[in-house]
Amino acid sequence: MATEARLAVWAAWTRWGDGRRAEVLVMSHLIVRVVGFDVVAPYTLRVRFDDRTEQVIDFRPVLVGALYGPLQDLEVFSRVALDPDAWTLVWPNGADFDPATLHDWPDHAADLADRARLWMAAAA
């Protein structure tokens, strides 16, 4: 059974007896779990989620920096595992991704790749 949920905080104005008002910020975040994955090519995984969707993700464009850079070594990348507590992909060096980011990868891939290019330029 899927455990998809949406965590949300609604905007509201609260009025106290003395006339003061406060605003509550609205935020929404999809809560999904990674339930499995398959290697489909070097650095590319098919990631399955508890809402019965999947994403095929090529991670190469984001493997930069102190945390993700070591995953450029295919032997290290291939040691990916499913964390049973966090329900996401993890690597032995501590690298991981938010399950919601993986779930919505097409919405985030270009921005993450742009950031990786900036990090590479800054490190050069």
Protein backbone atom coordinates (compact mmCIF):
# COMPACT_ATOMS: atom_id res chain seq x y z
CA MET A 1 0.00 0.00 0.00
CA ALA A 2 1.37 3.40 -0.94
CA THR A 3 2.23 5.70 1.91
CA GLU A 4 2.26 8.87 -0.17
CA ALA A 5 1.22 11.89 1.81
CA ARG A 6 1.54 15.60 1.45
CA LEU A 7 2.86 17.63 4.33
CA ALA A 8 1.35 21.08 4.22
CA VAL A 9 1.05 24.20 6.30
CA TRP A 10 -1.74 26.57 5.37
CA ALA A 11 -1.62 30.34 5.32
CA ALA A 12 -3.88 31.93 7.83
CA TRP A 13 -4.21 35.13 9.75
CA THR A 14 -4.56 34.78 13.47
CA ARG A 15 -6.07 37.63 15.46
CA TRP A 16 -5.41 37.92 19.15
CA GLY A 17 -7.75 39.70 21.52
CA ASP A 18 -5.56 42.81 21.55
CA GLY A 19 -5.87 43.19 17.76
CA ARG A 20 -2.42 41.83 16.84
CA ARG A 21 -2.25 39.63 13.77
CA ALA A 22 0.21 37.01 12.63
CA GLU A 23 0.58 35.20 9.32
CA VAL A 24 1.37 31.49 9.04
CA LEU A 25 3.50 30.50 6.04
CA VAL A 26 2.23 27.95 3.54
CA MET A 27 4.54 25.14 2.47
CA SER A 28 3.90 21.83 0.78
CA HIS A 29 6.25 18.88 0.39
CA LEU A 30 5.47 15.55 -1.18
CA ILE A 31 6.35 12.63 1.07
CA VAL A 32 7.23 9.52 -0.91
CA ARG A 33 9.40 6.49 -0.31
CA VAL A 34 11.89 4.86 -2.61
CA VAL A 35 10.97 1.18 -2.59
CA GLY A 36 13.47 -0.17 -5.10
CA PHE A 37 15.90 0.51 -7.91
CA ASP A 38 17.59 -1.19 -10.83
CA VAL A 39 20.83 -0.31 -12.59
CA VAL A 40 19.95 0.35 -16.25
CA ALA A 41 23.29 1.82 -17.43
CA PRO A 42 26.48 3.22 -15.91
CA TYR A 43 25.44 6.00 -13.47
CA THR A 44 21.78 5.49 -14.43
CA LEU A 45 19.16 3.97 -12.15
CA ARG A 46 15.47 3.18 -12.51
CA VAL A 47 14.05 4.30 -9.17
CA ARG A 48 10.69 2.97 -7.98
CA PHE A 49 8.45 4.76 -5.48
CA ASP A 50 5.66 3.71 -3.15
CA ASP A 51 3.08 5.57 -5.27
CA ARG A 52 3.82 3.07 -8.08
CA THR A 53 5.71 5.61 -10.20
CA GLU A 54 9.31 5.40 -11.33
CA GLN A 55 12.04 7.62 -12.71
CA VAL A 56 15.02 6.69 -14.85
CA ILE A 57 17.80 8.98 -13.62
CA ASP A 58 21.22 9.60 -15.14
CA PHE A 59 23.19 10.96 -12.18
CA ARG A 60 26.37 11.90 -14.14
CA PRO A 61 25.55 15.63 -14.48
CA VAL A 62 25.34 16.08 -10.69
CA LEU A 63 28.31 14.00 -9.53
CA VAL A 64 30.43 16.95 -8.42
CA GLY A 65 31.86 18.22 -5.15
CA ALA A 66 33.03 16.64 -1.93
CA LEU A 67 29.87 14.58 -1.39
CA TYR A 68 28.84 13.53 -4.90
CA GLY A 69 32.22 13.75 -6.67
CA PRO A 70 33.46 10.40 -5.33
CA LEU A 71 30.49 8.75 -7.08
CA GLN A 72 32.17 9.49 -10.43
CA ASP A 73 34.13 6.31 -9.69
CA LEU A 74 31.75 3.70 -11.10
CA GLU A 75 32.84 1.19 -8.45
CA VAL A 76 31.75 3.62 -5.71
CA PHE A 77 28.55 4.59 -7.54
CA SER A 78 27.65 0.92 -7.92
CA ARG A 79 27.59 0.52 -4.15
CA VAL A 80 24.25 2.35 -4.02
CA ALA A 81 21.75 0.91 -1.55
CA LEU A 82 18.24 1.52 -0.31
CA ASP A 83 18.22 2.95 3.22
CA PRO A 84 15.38 1.14 5.05
CA ASP A 85 14.96 3.98 7.57
CA ALA A 86 15.11 7.02 5.26
CA TRP A 87 13.54 5.21 2.26
CA THR A 88 15.97 6.72 -0.20
CA LEU A 89 19.11 5.87 -2.14
CA VAL A 90 22.36 6.09 -0.19
CA TRP A 91 26.03 5.52 -0.89
CA PRO A 92 28.76 4.40 1.55
CA ASN A 93 30.36 7.88 1.61
CA GLY A 94 27.14 9.41 3.02
CA ALA A 95 25.76 10.76 -0.27
CA ASP A 96 22.00 10.57 -0.67
CA PHE A 97 19.10 12.40 -2.30
CA ASP A 98 15.76 13.49 -0.89
CA PRO A 99 13.15 10.98 -2.08
CA ALA A 100 10.87 13.81 -3.26
CA THR A 101 13.72 15.18 -5.41
CA LEU A 102 14.20 11.76 -6.97
CA HIS A 103 10.45 11.39 -7.48
CA ASP A 104 10.24 14.73 -9.28
CA TRP A 105 13.68 14.48 -10.94
CA PRO A 106 12.60 16.06 -14.27
CA ASP A 107 11.61 19.19 -12.33
CA HIS A 108 15.01 19.39 -10.58
CA ALA A 109 17.56 17.88 -12.98
CA ALA A 110 18.45 21.04 -14.92
CA ASP A 111 18.85 23.16 -11.78
CA LEU A 112 20.98 20.50 -10.07
CA ALA A 113 23.18 20.16 -13.17
CA ASP A 114 23.57 23.96 -13.33
CA ARG A 115 24.63 24.05 -9.69
CA ALA A 116 27.11 21.23 -10.31
CA ARG A 117 28.65 23.20 -13.19
CA LEU A 118 28.97 26.25 -10.94
CA TRP A 119 30.68 24.16 -8.24
CA MET A 120 33.10 22.76 -10.81
CA ALA A 121 33.92 26.25 -12.08
CA ALA A 122 34.43 27.56 -8.54
CA ALA A 123 36.72 24.66 -7.68
CA ALA A 124 38.87 25.15 -10.80
